């Protein structure tokens, strides 16, 4: 059963989600609702031609920071000093760049203008963060996401040069600020770095601990 949200700030239990993870439709992207969603293992994912869709997958694709795989070649990149990494310096530029990344089997972007503004609002409240990767004073990669306790819910990343987004992710994992990185969507790239699936109950236990 797919639930329809109204003006009340409440979500159904994640266990009630459809097999594809779809839990609810509607509501809004207010900061209060988004914070509540992430605290309950729910996130929005939709496009301009659909209403707001809220997902709570039965399996979560996650990365434990201490399970991160860093290849020898990547270690050399990190040690070379070719990149400089900052945090929360140009959040708006990072989310804008992420919105332009082409996605496989997807026309357009799910990072709509409304979504961008909603996460900028979260950033201004201290709930969303960006990691920026610079090369010769140019922004060449980065990622952004939302923190919920000791979980970092990664929303998107981009890379204009090889290894830039990977550098951002490694820096995030090595920050020791989080017990878990929620990658949300499976990719072979993230799997090669050590990400794996865990069931929803295990995810919620970490989220609420």
N, C-alpha and C. Protein backbone atom coordinates (compact mmCIF):
# COMPACT_ATOMS: atom_id res chain seq x y z
N UNK A 1 0.84 -1.20 0.00
CA UNK A 1 0.00 0.00 0.00
C UNK A 1 0.88 1.26 0.00
N UNK A 2 0.59 2.18 -0.89
CA UNK A 2 1.33 3.44 -0.96
C UNK A 2 0.52 4.51 -0.23
N UNK A 3 1.14 5.16 0.71
CA UNK A 3 0.46 6.14 1.55
C UNK A 3 0.53 7.53 0.90
N UNK A 4 -0.51 8.31 1.10
CA UNK A 4 -0.54 9.68 0.60
C UNK A 4 -0.36 10.63 1.78
N UNK A 5 0.67 11.47 1.69
CA UNK A 5 0.98 12.38 2.77
C UNK A 5 0.16 13.66 2.64
N UNK A 6 -0.13 14.27 3.78
CA UNK A 6 -0.80 15.57 3.78
C UNK A 6 0.08 16.57 4.53
N UNK A 7 -0.53 17.57 5.12
CA UNK A 7 0.27 18.61 5.78
C UNK A 7 0.86 18.16 7.11
N UNK A 8 0.40 17.04 7.64
CA UNK A 8 0.93 16.56 8.91
C UNK A 8 2.36 16.03 8.73
N UNK A 9 3.22 16.30 9.71
CA UNK A 9 4.61 15.84 9.65
C UNK A 9 4.69 14.44 10.24
N UNK A 10 4.39 13.45 9.42
CA UNK A 10 4.40 12.06 9.87
C UNK A 10 4.65 11.17 8.66
N UNK A 11 5.37 10.06 8.90
CA UNK A 11 5.59 9.06 7.86
C UNK A 11 5.11 7.70 8.35
N UNK A 12 4.60 6.86 7.46
CA UNK A 12 4.27 5.49 7.86
C UNK A 12 5.54 4.71 8.16
N UNK A 13 5.38 3.58 8.81
CA UNK A 13 6.54 2.76 9.15
C UNK A 13 7.23 2.27 7.87
N UNK A 14 8.56 2.33 7.83
CA UNK A 14 9.30 1.90 6.63
C UNK A 14 8.99 0.47 6.22
N UNK A 15 8.65 -0.39 7.17
CA UNK A 15 8.35 -1.79 6.87
C UNK A 15 7.15 -1.95 5.95
N UNK A 16 6.34 -0.88 5.79
CA UNK A 16 5.14 -0.94 4.97
C UNK A 16 5.40 -0.56 3.52
N UNK A 17 6.64 -0.32 3.17
CA UNK A 17 6.98 0.08 1.81
C UNK A 17 6.68 -1.04 0.81
N UNK A 18 6.43 -0.65 -0.43
CA UNK A 18 6.22 -1.60 -1.52
C UNK A 18 7.52 -2.38 -1.79
N UNK A 19 7.43 -3.48 -2.56
CA UNK A 19 8.65 -4.25 -2.85
C UNK A 19 9.78 -3.42 -3.46
N UNK A 20 9.44 -2.38 -4.24
CA UNK A 20 10.47 -1.53 -4.83
C UNK A 20 10.94 -0.42 -3.89
N UNK A 21 10.39 -0.41 -2.67
CA UNK A 21 10.80 0.57 -1.68
C UNK A 21 9.91 1.79 -1.59
N UNK A 22 9.00 1.97 -2.54
CA UNK A 22 8.12 3.15 -2.51
C UNK A 22 7.19 3.07 -1.30
N UNK A 23 7.22 4.13 -0.51
CA UNK A 23 6.46 4.14 0.73
C UNK A 23 5.29 5.13 0.69
N UNK A 24 5.53 6.32 0.16
CA UNK A 24 4.51 7.36 0.24
C UNK A 24 4.63 8.33 -0.93
N UNK A 25 3.56 9.08 -1.13
CA UNK A 25 3.48 10.07 -2.20
C UNK A 25 2.96 11.37 -1.61
N UNK A 26 3.50 12.48 -2.09
CA UNK A 26 2.95 13.78 -1.69
C UNK A 26 3.76 14.46 -0.60
N UNK A 27 3.08 15.31 0.16
CA UNK A 27 3.77 16.09 1.17
C UNK A 27 4.54 17.24 0.53
N UNK A 28 5.63 17.63 1.17
CA UNK A 28 6.43 18.73 0.66
C UNK A 28 7.90 18.47 0.98
N UNK A 29 8.75 19.42 0.60
CA UNK A 29 10.19 19.30 0.84
C UNK A 29 10.65 20.28 1.90
N UNK A 30 9.80 20.55 2.86
CA UNK A 30 10.20 21.43 3.95
C UNK A 30 11.35 20.80 4.72
N UNK A 31 12.17 21.63 5.33
CA UNK A 31 13.30 21.10 6.10
C UNK A 31 12.83 20.18 7.20
N UNK A 32 11.73 20.53 7.85
CA UNK A 32 11.22 19.71 8.95
C UNK A 32 10.85 18.31 8.46
N UNK A 33 10.20 18.24 7.29
CA UNK A 33 9.79 16.94 6.77
C UNK A 33 11.00 16.12 6.32
N UNK A 34 11.95 16.79 5.68
CA UNK A 34 13.14 16.07 5.22
C UNK A 34 13.94 15.52 6.40
N UNK A 35 14.11 16.30 7.43
CA UNK A 35 14.85 15.83 8.61
C UNK A 35 14.14 14.63 9.21
N UNK A 36 12.82 14.70 9.34
CA UNK A 36 12.05 13.58 9.88
C UNK A 36 12.20 12.35 9.00
N UNK A 37 12.17 12.54 7.69
CA UNK A 37 12.30 11.42 6.77
C UNK A 37 13.62 10.69 6.97
N UNK A 38 14.71 11.42 6.96
CA UNK A 38 16.02 10.77 7.09
C UNK A 38 16.18 10.10 8.45
N UNK A 39 15.61 10.68 9.48
CA UNK A 39 15.67 10.07 10.81
C UNK A 39 14.94 8.73 10.85
N UNK A 40 14.01 8.52 9.92
CA UNK A 40 13.23 7.28 9.88
C UNK A 40 13.60 6.38 8.70
N UNK A 41 14.73 6.67 8.06
CA UNK A 41 15.19 5.81 6.98
C UNK A 41 14.44 6.00 5.68
N UNK A 42 13.90 7.19 5.46
CA UNK A 42 13.11 7.49 4.27
C UNK A 42 13.78 8.63 3.51
N UNK A 43 13.71 8.59 2.18
CA UNK A 43 14.28 9.69 1.40
C UNK A 43 13.42 9.95 0.15
N UNK A 44 13.44 11.20 -0.36
CA UNK A 44 12.66 11.51 -1.57
C UNK A 44 13.46 11.19 -2.83
N UNK A 45 12.76 10.73 -3.85
CA UNK A 45 13.40 10.43 -5.12
C UNK A 45 12.33 10.49 -6.20
N UNK A 46 12.35 11.51 -7.00
CA UNK A 46 11.31 11.70 -8.00
C UNK A 46 11.84 12.61 -9.10
N UNK A 47 11.01 12.91 -10.08
CA UNK A 47 11.41 13.79 -11.18
C UNK A 47 10.35 14.87 -11.36
N UNK A 48 10.62 15.78 -12.28
CA UNK A 48 9.72 16.92 -12.48
C UNK A 48 8.32 16.52 -12.90
N UNK A 49 8.18 15.37 -13.56
CA UNK A 49 6.88 14.97 -14.08
C UNK A 49 6.13 14.01 -13.16
N UNK A 50 6.57 13.89 -11.90
CA UNK A 50 5.86 13.05 -10.94
C UNK A 50 5.65 13.85 -9.65
N UNK A 51 4.71 13.40 -8.81
CA UNK A 51 4.62 14.00 -7.48
C UNK A 51 5.84 13.60 -6.66
N UNK A 52 5.98 14.17 -5.47
CA UNK A 52 7.09 13.79 -4.59
C UNK A 52 6.90 12.34 -4.16
N UNK A 53 7.90 11.52 -4.38
CA UNK A 53 7.87 10.10 -4.02
C UNK A 53 8.87 9.85 -2.90
N UNK A 54 8.46 9.08 -1.91
CA UNK A 54 9.29 8.80 -0.74
C UNK A 54 9.59 7.31 -0.67
N UNK A 55 10.87 6.97 -0.51
CA UNK A 55 11.31 5.58 -0.54
C UNK A 55 11.92 5.14 0.79
N UNK A 56 11.69 3.87 1.09
CA UNK A 56 12.32 3.21 2.24
C UNK A 56 12.68 1.79 1.79
N UNK A 57 13.79 1.62 1.08
CA UNK A 57 14.14 0.32 0.50
C UNK A 57 14.24 -0.78 1.55
N UNK A 58 13.88 -2.00 1.14
CA UNK A 58 13.95 -3.14 2.04
C UNK A 58 15.40 -3.57 2.28
N UNK A 59 16.25 -3.26 1.33
CA UNK A 59 17.70 -3.44 1.50
C UNK A 59 18.36 -2.09 1.27
N UNK A 60 19.40 -1.81 2.05
CA UNK A 60 20.12 -0.55 1.90
C UNK A 60 21.52 -0.84 1.40
N UNK A 61 21.93 -0.08 0.40
CA UNK A 61 23.28 -0.21 -0.14
C UNK A 61 24.16 0.77 0.61
N UNK A 62 25.07 0.25 1.42
CA UNK A 62 25.80 1.08 2.37
C UNK A 62 27.30 0.80 2.31
N UNK A 63 28.04 1.72 2.87
CA UNK A 63 29.49 1.57 2.98
C UNK A 63 29.91 1.85 4.42
N UNK A 64 30.49 0.83 5.06
CA UNK A 64 31.08 1.04 6.37
C UNK A 64 32.46 1.68 6.16
N UNK A 65 32.74 2.81 6.79
CA UNK A 65 34.02 3.49 6.54
C UNK A 65 35.24 2.60 6.73
N UNK A 66 35.19 1.68 7.71
CA UNK A 66 36.36 0.84 7.93
C UNK A 66 36.46 -0.32 6.94
N UNK A 67 35.48 -0.45 6.04
CA UNK A 67 35.52 -1.46 4.99
C UNK A 67 35.87 -0.86 3.62
N UNK A 68 36.21 0.42 3.61
CA UNK A 68 36.53 1.10 2.37
C UNK A 68 37.77 0.48 1.71
N UNK A 69 37.67 0.17 0.42
CA UNK A 69 38.79 -0.36 -0.34
C UNK A 69 39.50 0.78 -1.06
N UNK A 70 40.74 1.03 -0.74
CA UNK A 70 41.52 2.05 -1.43
C UNK A 70 42.67 1.36 -2.14
N UNK A 71 42.68 1.40 -3.46
CA UNK A 71 43.70 0.71 -4.24
C UNK A 71 45.06 1.40 -4.08
N UNK A 72 46.10 0.68 -4.47
CA UNK A 72 47.44 1.25 -4.40
C UNK A 72 47.56 2.48 -5.30
N UNK A 73 46.95 2.39 -6.47
CA UNK A 73 47.02 3.53 -7.38
C UNK A 73 46.29 4.73 -6.82
N UNK A 74 45.19 4.48 -6.12
CA UNK A 74 44.44 5.59 -5.52
C UNK A 74 45.21 6.17 -4.35
N UNK A 75 45.91 5.34 -3.62
CA UNK A 75 46.73 5.86 -2.51
C UNK A 75 47.80 6.81 -3.04
N UNK A 76 48.36 6.47 -4.20
CA UNK A 76 49.36 7.34 -4.80
C UNK A 76 48.76 8.68 -5.20
N UNK A 77 47.51 8.63 -5.72
CA UNK A 77 46.82 9.89 -6.08
C UNK A 77 46.64 10.76 -4.84
N UNK A 78 46.19 10.14 -3.75
CA UNK A 78 45.95 10.90 -2.52
C UNK A 78 47.23 11.49 -1.97
N UNK A 79 48.32 10.73 -2.08
CA UNK A 79 49.60 11.18 -1.54
C UNK A 79 50.28 12.22 -2.44
N UNK A 80 49.87 12.29 -3.68
CA UNK A 80 50.52 13.19 -4.63
C UNK A 80 50.19 14.66 -4.37
N UNK A 81 49.07 14.91 -3.71
CA UNK A 81 48.67 16.28 -3.45
C UNK A 81 48.06 16.97 -4.66
N UNK A 82 47.67 16.18 -5.67
CA UNK A 82 47.09 16.78 -6.87
C UNK A 82 45.74 17.43 -6.57
N UNK A 83 45.05 16.92 -5.53
CA UNK A 83 43.75 17.47 -5.14
C UNK A 83 43.82 18.12 -3.76
N UNK A 84 42.98 19.13 -3.58
CA UNK A 84 42.73 19.70 -2.26
C UNK A 84 41.26 19.50 -1.95
N UNK A 85 40.96 19.07 -0.74
CA UNK A 85 39.57 18.79 -0.36
C UNK A 85 39.12 19.76 0.73
N UNK A 86 37.94 20.33 0.55
CA UNK A 86 37.33 21.19 1.56
C UNK A 86 35.95 20.65 1.89
N UNK A 87 35.37 21.18 2.96
CA UNK A 87 34.04 20.77 3.39
C UNK A 87 33.17 22.01 3.59
N UNK A 88 31.96 21.95 3.03
CA UNK A 88 30.94 22.99 3.25
C UNK A 88 31.38 24.38 2.81
N UNK A 89 32.18 24.44 1.76
CA UNK A 89 32.62 25.73 1.26
C UNK A 89 31.77 26.24 0.10
N UNK A 90 31.36 25.35 -0.78
CA UNK A 90 30.57 25.77 -1.95
C UNK A 90 29.44 24.75 -2.19
N UNK A 91 28.62 24.55 -1.19
CA UNK A 91 27.55 23.56 -1.26
C UNK A 91 26.69 23.75 -2.50
N UNK A 92 26.29 24.98 -2.77
CA UNK A 92 25.39 25.25 -3.89
C UNK A 92 26.04 24.87 -5.22
N UNK A 93 27.34 25.09 -5.35
CA UNK A 93 28.03 24.71 -6.58
C UNK A 93 28.08 23.19 -6.73
N UNK A 94 28.26 22.49 -5.62
CA UNK A 94 28.34 21.03 -5.67
C UNK A 94 27.00 20.44 -6.09
N UNK A 95 25.90 20.87 -5.48
CA UNK A 95 24.61 20.29 -5.82
C UNK A 95 24.21 20.66 -7.25
N UNK A 96 24.59 21.84 -7.70
CA UNK A 96 24.31 22.24 -9.08
C UNK A 96 25.08 21.35 -10.05
N UNK A 97 26.34 21.07 -9.74
CA UNK A 97 27.16 20.20 -10.61
C UNK A 97 26.61 18.78 -10.62
N UNK A 98 26.16 18.30 -9.47
CA UNK A 98 25.59 16.95 -9.40
C UNK A 98 24.33 16.84 -10.26
N UNK A 99 23.56 17.92 -10.33
CA UNK A 99 22.31 17.89 -11.09
C UNK A 99 22.56 17.75 -12.59
N UNK A 100 23.77 18.04 -13.04
CA UNK A 100 24.10 18.00 -14.46
C UNK A 100 24.70 16.66 -14.88
N UNK A 101 24.95 15.78 -13.94
CA UNK A 101 25.58 14.49 -14.26
C UNK A 101 24.56 13.59 -14.97
N UNK A 102 24.87 13.09 -16.16
CA UNK A 102 23.94 12.18 -16.85
C UNK A 102 23.84 10.86 -16.10
N UNK A 103 22.63 10.33 -16.01
CA UNK A 103 22.39 9.07 -15.30
C UNK A 103 21.97 8.00 -16.30
N UNK A 104 22.47 6.80 -16.12
CA UNK A 104 22.15 5.69 -17.02
C UNK A 104 20.65 5.40 -16.97
N UNK A 105 20.05 5.22 -18.14
CA UNK A 105 18.62 4.88 -18.26
C UNK A 105 17.73 5.94 -17.65
N UNK A 106 18.15 7.19 -17.68
CA UNK A 106 17.34 8.25 -17.09
C UNK A 106 17.47 9.53 -17.90
N UNK A 107 16.33 10.08 -18.30
CA UNK A 107 16.32 11.35 -19.00
C UNK A 107 16.24 12.48 -17.97
N UNK A 108 17.05 13.49 -18.15
CA UNK A 108 17.00 14.62 -17.22
C UNK A 108 17.63 14.27 -15.89
N UNK A 109 17.21 14.98 -14.86
CA UNK A 109 17.79 14.80 -13.52
C UNK A 109 16.71 14.67 -12.48
N UNK A 110 17.00 13.91 -11.42
CA UNK A 110 16.07 13.87 -10.29
C UNK A 110 16.38 15.00 -9.31
N UNK A 111 17.51 15.67 -9.49
CA UNK A 111 17.85 16.80 -8.63
C UNK A 111 17.22 18.05 -9.25
N UNK A 112 15.93 18.17 -9.07
CA UNK A 112 15.17 19.26 -9.64
C UNK A 112 15.52 20.59 -8.95
N UNK A 113 15.02 21.67 -9.50
CA UNK A 113 15.26 22.98 -8.87
C UNK A 113 14.71 23.00 -7.45
N UNK A 114 13.53 22.41 -7.26
CA UNK A 114 12.94 22.37 -5.92
C UNK A 114 13.80 21.54 -4.97
N UNK A 115 14.33 20.43 -5.48
CA UNK A 115 15.20 19.60 -4.65
C UNK A 115 16.46 20.36 -4.27
N UNK A 116 17.05 21.06 -5.23
CA UNK A 116 18.25 21.82 -4.92
C UNK A 116 17.99 22.83 -3.82
N UNK A 117 16.91 23.56 -3.92
CA UNK A 117 16.62 24.57 -2.91
C UNK A 117 16.34 23.94 -1.56
N UNK A 118 15.66 22.79 -1.57
CA UNK A 118 15.35 22.12 -0.31
C UNK A 118 16.62 21.69 0.42
N UNK A 119 17.62 21.19 -0.32
CA UNK A 119 18.86 20.74 0.32
C UNK A 119 19.77 21.92 0.66
N UNK A 120 19.68 22.98 -0.09
CA UNK A 120 20.39 24.20 0.30
C UNK A 120 19.84 24.70 1.64
N UNK A 121 18.53 24.61 1.80
CA UNK A 121 17.92 24.99 3.08
C UNK A 121 18.44 24.11 4.21
N UNK A 122 18.54 22.80 3.95
CA UNK A 122 19.07 21.89 4.97
C UNK A 122 20.52 22.22 5.30
N UNK A 123 21.29 22.56 4.27
CA UNK A 123 22.69 22.95 4.48
C UNK A 123 22.77 24.18 5.37
N UNK A 124 21.93 25.14 5.11
CA UNK A 124 21.96 26.37 5.90
C UNK A 124 21.56 26.12 7.35
N UNK A 125 20.83 25.04 7.59
CA UNK A 125 20.45 24.66 8.95
C UNK A 125 21.47 23.73 9.60
N UNK A 126 22.48 23.33 8.84
CA UNK A 126 23.53 22.46 9.38
C UNK A 126 23.24 20.98 9.27
N UNK A 127 22.24 20.59 8.48
CA UNK A 127 21.88 19.17 8.36
C UNK A 127 22.41 18.52 7.09
N UNK A 128 22.83 19.31 6.12
CA UNK A 128 23.39 18.78 4.88
C UNK A 128 24.82 19.29 4.74
N UNK A 129 25.65 18.49 4.08
CA UNK A 129 27.07 18.82 3.97
C UNK A 129 27.59 18.49 2.58
N UNK A 130 28.63 19.19 2.20
CA UNK A 130 29.30 18.91 0.94
C UNK A 130 30.79 18.75 1.16
N UNK A 131 31.38 17.89 0.36
CA UNK A 131 32.83 17.77 0.28
C UNK A 131 33.24 18.17 -1.12
N UNK A 132 34.18 19.12 -1.21
CA UNK A 132 34.58 19.67 -2.49
C UNK A 132 36.02 19.29 -2.82
N UNK A 133 36.26 18.94 -4.06
CA UNK A 133 37.60 18.55 -4.51
C UNK A 133 38.07 19.57 -5.54
N UNK A 134 39.25 20.13 -5.28
CA UNK A 134 39.79 21.20 -6.10
C UNK A 134 41.10 20.76 -6.75
N UNK A 135 41.30 21.24 -7.96
CA UNK A 135 42.56 21.05 -8.67
C UNK A 135 42.94 22.38 -9.30
N UNK A 136 44.05 22.94 -8.88
CA UNK A 136 44.49 24.25 -9.38
C UNK A 136 43.37 25.29 -9.25
N UNK A 137 42.77 25.33 -8.08
CA UNK A 137 41.72 26.31 -7.74
C UNK A 137 40.42 26.11 -8.52
N UNK A 138 40.28 24.98 -9.23
CA UNK A 138 39.04 24.69 -9.96
C UNK A 138 38.30 23.56 -9.26
N UNK A 139 36.99 23.71 -9.11
CA UNK A 139 36.16 22.67 -8.51
C UNK A 139 36.00 21.54 -9.53
N UNK A 140 36.58 20.37 -9.23
CA UNK A 140 36.59 19.28 -10.20
C UNK A 140 35.81 18.05 -9.72
N UNK A 141 35.31 18.08 -8.51
CA UNK A 141 34.55 16.95 -8.02
C UNK A 141 33.99 17.24 -6.64
N UNK A 142 33.10 16.35 -6.21
CA UNK A 142 32.53 16.53 -4.88
C UNK A 142 31.31 15.66 -4.65
N UNK A 143 30.78 15.76 -3.47
CA UNK A 143 29.57 15.03 -3.12
C UNK A 143 28.82 15.83 -2.07
N UNK A 144 27.54 15.49 -1.90
CA UNK A 144 26.76 16.12 -0.83
C UNK A 144 25.79 15.09 -0.26
N UNK A 145 25.34 15.35 0.95
CA UNK A 145 24.39 14.45 1.60
C UNK A 145 23.88 15.03 2.88
N UNK A 146 23.13 14.22 3.60
CA UNK A 146 22.46 14.64 4.83
C UNK A 146 22.94 13.76 5.97
N UNK A 147 23.21 14.35 7.12
CA UNK A 147 23.58 13.52 8.26
C UNK A 147 22.36 13.26 9.13
N UNK A 148 22.25 12.02 9.55
CA UNK A 148 21.19 11.60 10.47
C UNK A 148 21.88 10.82 11.58
N UNK A 149 22.16 11.48 12.69
CA UNK A 149 22.94 10.85 13.74
C UNK A 149 24.34 10.56 13.24
N UNK A 150 24.75 9.28 13.33
CA UNK A 150 26.08 8.88 12.89
C UNK A 150 26.06 8.25 11.50
N UNK A 151 24.96 8.49 10.77
CA UNK A 151 24.84 8.00 9.39
C UNK A 151 24.90 9.19 8.44
N UNK A 152 25.71 9.07 7.40
CA UNK A 152 25.74 10.08 6.34
C UNK A 152 24.98 9.52 5.15
N UNK A 153 23.88 10.17 4.80
CA UNK A 153 23.04 9.73 3.69
C UNK A 153 23.51 10.44 2.43
N UNK A 154 24.32 9.75 1.65
CA UNK A 154 24.87 10.36 0.45
C UNK A 154 23.80 10.54 -0.62
N UNK A 155 23.71 11.74 -1.16
CA UNK A 155 22.70 12.03 -2.16
C UNK A 155 23.24 11.93 -3.58
N UNK A 156 24.38 12.53 -3.84
CA UNK A 156 24.93 12.49 -5.19
C UNK A 156 26.38 12.93 -5.17
N UNK A 157 27.10 12.60 -6.24
CA UNK A 157 28.48 13.05 -6.39
C UNK A 157 28.75 13.34 -7.86
N UNK A 158 29.80 14.09 -8.12
CA UNK A 158 30.18 14.38 -9.49
C UNK A 158 31.69 14.42 -9.61
N UNK A 159 32.17 14.26 -10.84
CA UNK A 159 33.60 14.27 -11.08
C UNK A 159 33.87 14.78 -12.48
N UNK A 160 34.68 15.81 -12.56
CA UNK A 160 35.06 16.37 -13.87
C UNK A 160 36.39 15.81 -14.33
N UNK A 161 37.18 15.27 -13.42
CA UNK A 161 38.44 14.64 -13.77
C UNK A 161 38.52 13.31 -13.03
N UNK A 162 39.33 12.42 -13.53
CA UNK A 162 39.45 11.08 -12.95
C UNK A 162 39.85 11.14 -11.47
N UNK A 163 39.17 10.34 -10.67
CA UNK A 163 39.45 10.14 -9.24
C UNK A 163 38.99 11.28 -8.33
N UNK A 164 38.35 12.31 -8.88
CA UNK A 164 37.95 13.44 -8.04
C UNK A 164 36.83 13.07 -7.06
N UNK A 165 35.76 12.47 -7.56
CA UNK A 165 34.67 12.10 -6.66
C UNK A 165 35.10 11.01 -5.68
N UNK A 166 35.98 10.12 -6.16
CA UNK A 166 36.50 9.07 -5.28
C UNK A 166 37.30 9.68 -4.13
N UNK A 167 38.04 10.73 -4.43
CA UNK A 167 38.78 11.44 -3.39
C UNK A 167 37.84 12.03 -2.35
N UNK A 168 36.72 12.59 -2.80
CA UNK A 168 35.73 13.15 -1.87
C UNK A 168 35.17 12.07 -0.97
N UNK A 169 34.84 10.91 -1.54
CA UNK A 169 34.26 9.82 -0.76
C UNK A 169 35.27 9.27 0.25
N UNK A 170 36.50 9.11 -0.17
CA UNK A 170 37.53 8.60 0.75
C UNK A 170 37.73 9.58 1.90
N UNK A 171 37.76 10.87 1.60
CA UNK A 171 37.90 11.88 2.65
C UNK A 171 36.74 11.81 3.63
N UNK A 172 35.53 11.64 3.11
CA UNK A 172 34.35 11.48 3.97
C UNK A 172 34.51 10.28 4.89
N UNK A 173 34.92 9.15 4.32
CA UNK A 173 35.06 7.93 5.13
C UNK A 173 36.16 8.06 6.18
N UNK A 174 37.21 8.76 5.85
CA UNK A 174 38.34 8.90 6.77
C UNK A 174 38.15 10.01 7.79
N UNK A 175 37.04 10.72 7.70
CA UNK A 175 36.77 11.81 8.65
C UNK A 175 36.45 11.29 10.05
N UNK A 176 36.05 10.00 10.15
CA UNK A 176 35.67 9.38 11.42
C UNK A 176 34.44 10.05 12.04
N UNK A 177 33.69 10.77 11.24
CA UNK A 177 32.50 11.45 11.75
C UNK A 177 31.27 10.55 11.71
N UNK A 178 31.33 9.45 10.91
CA UNK A 178 30.13 8.64 10.70
C UNK A 178 30.45 7.16 10.85
N UNK A 179 29.45 6.42 11.32
CA UNK A 179 29.58 4.97 11.43
C UNK A 179 29.17 4.26 10.15
N UNK A 180 28.41 4.97 9.30
CA UNK A 180 27.88 4.33 8.11
C UNK A 180 27.62 5.40 7.04
N UNK A 181 27.90 5.05 5.78
CA UNK A 181 27.56 5.88 4.65
C UNK A 181 26.43 5.19 3.89
N UNK A 182 25.27 5.82 3.81
CA UNK A 182 24.14 5.27 3.06
C UNK A 182 24.29 5.72 1.61
N UNK A 183 24.56 4.77 0.72
CA UNK A 183 24.78 5.09 -0.69
C UNK A 183 23.48 5.14 -1.49
N UNK A 184 22.39 4.64 -0.90
CA UNK A 184 21.04 4.67 -1.48
C UNK A 184 20.91 3.82 -2.74
N UNK A 185 21.66 4.11 -3.79
CA UNK A 185 21.50 3.42 -5.07
C UNK A 185 22.75 2.61 -5.38
N UNK A 186 22.56 1.34 -5.76
CA UNK A 186 23.69 0.47 -6.07
C UNK A 186 24.38 0.90 -7.35
N UNK A 187 25.70 0.94 -7.31
CA UNK A 187 26.51 1.08 -8.51
C UNK A 187 27.70 0.14 -8.38
N UNK A 188 28.20 -0.34 -9.51
CA UNK A 188 29.37 -1.21 -9.47
C UNK A 188 30.59 -0.45 -8.96
N UNK A 189 30.65 0.83 -9.26
CA UNK A 189 31.77 1.66 -8.79
C UNK A 189 31.83 1.67 -7.27
N UNK A 190 30.69 1.92 -6.63
CA UNK A 190 30.66 1.95 -5.16
C UNK A 190 30.90 0.56 -4.58
N UNK A 191 30.38 -0.45 -5.26
CA UNK A 191 30.61 -1.82 -4.78
C UNK A 191 32.10 -2.16 -4.80
N UNK A 192 32.81 -1.67 -5.81
CA UNK A 192 34.24 -1.93 -5.90
C UNK A 192 35.01 -1.25 -4.78
N UNK A 193 34.40 -0.22 -4.18
CA UNK A 193 35.04 0.48 -3.06
C UNK A 193 34.68 -0.13 -1.71
N UNK A 194 33.82 -1.16 -1.72
CA UNK A 194 33.49 -1.84 -0.48
C UNK A 194 32.05 -1.73 -0.05
N UNK A 195 31.22 -1.02 -0.79
CA UNK A 195 29.81 -0.90 -0.41
C UNK A 195 29.09 -2.23 -0.60
N UNK A 196 28.09 -2.48 0.23
CA UNK A 196 27.34 -3.73 0.16
C UNK A 196 25.92 -3.52 0.68
N UNK A 197 25.08 -4.51 0.46
CA UNK A 197 23.71 -4.43 0.92
C UNK A 197 23.58 -4.95 2.35
N UNK A 198 22.75 -4.26 3.13
CA UNK A 198 22.32 -4.79 4.43
C UNK A 198 20.80 -4.67 4.47
N UNK A 199 20.15 -5.44 5.34
CA UNK A 199 18.70 -5.36 5.36
C UNK A 199 18.24 -4.11 6.10
N UNK A 200 16.99 -3.75 5.88
CA UNK A 200 16.46 -2.50 6.43
C UNK A 200 16.52 -2.46 7.94
N UNK A 201 16.24 -3.57 8.60
CA UNK A 201 16.24 -3.56 10.06
C UNK A 201 17.63 -3.27 10.61
N UNK A 202 18.65 -3.84 9.98
CA UNK A 202 20.03 -3.56 10.41
C UNK A 202 20.36 -2.08 10.20
N UNK A 203 19.90 -1.54 9.08
CA UNK A 203 20.13 -0.12 8.81
C UNK A 203 19.44 0.76 9.84
N UNK A 204 18.18 0.46 10.14
CA UNK A 204 17.43 1.27 11.09
C UNK A 204 18.04 1.19 12.49
N UNK A 205 18.59 0.03 12.83
CA UNK A 205 19.23 -0.13 14.13
C UNK A 205 20.43 0.81 14.25
N UNK A 206 21.24 0.88 13.18
CA UNK A 206 22.40 1.79 13.19
C UNK A 206 21.92 3.23 13.20
N UNK A 207 20.89 3.52 12.43
CA UNK A 207 20.37 4.88 12.32
C UNK A 207 19.87 5.39 13.67
N UNK A 208 19.27 4.51 14.43
CA UNK A 208 18.63 4.93 15.68
C UNK A 208 19.49 4.73 16.90
N UNK A 209 20.72 4.23 16.71
CA UNK A 209 21.60 3.98 17.85
C UNK A 209 22.39 5.21 18.21
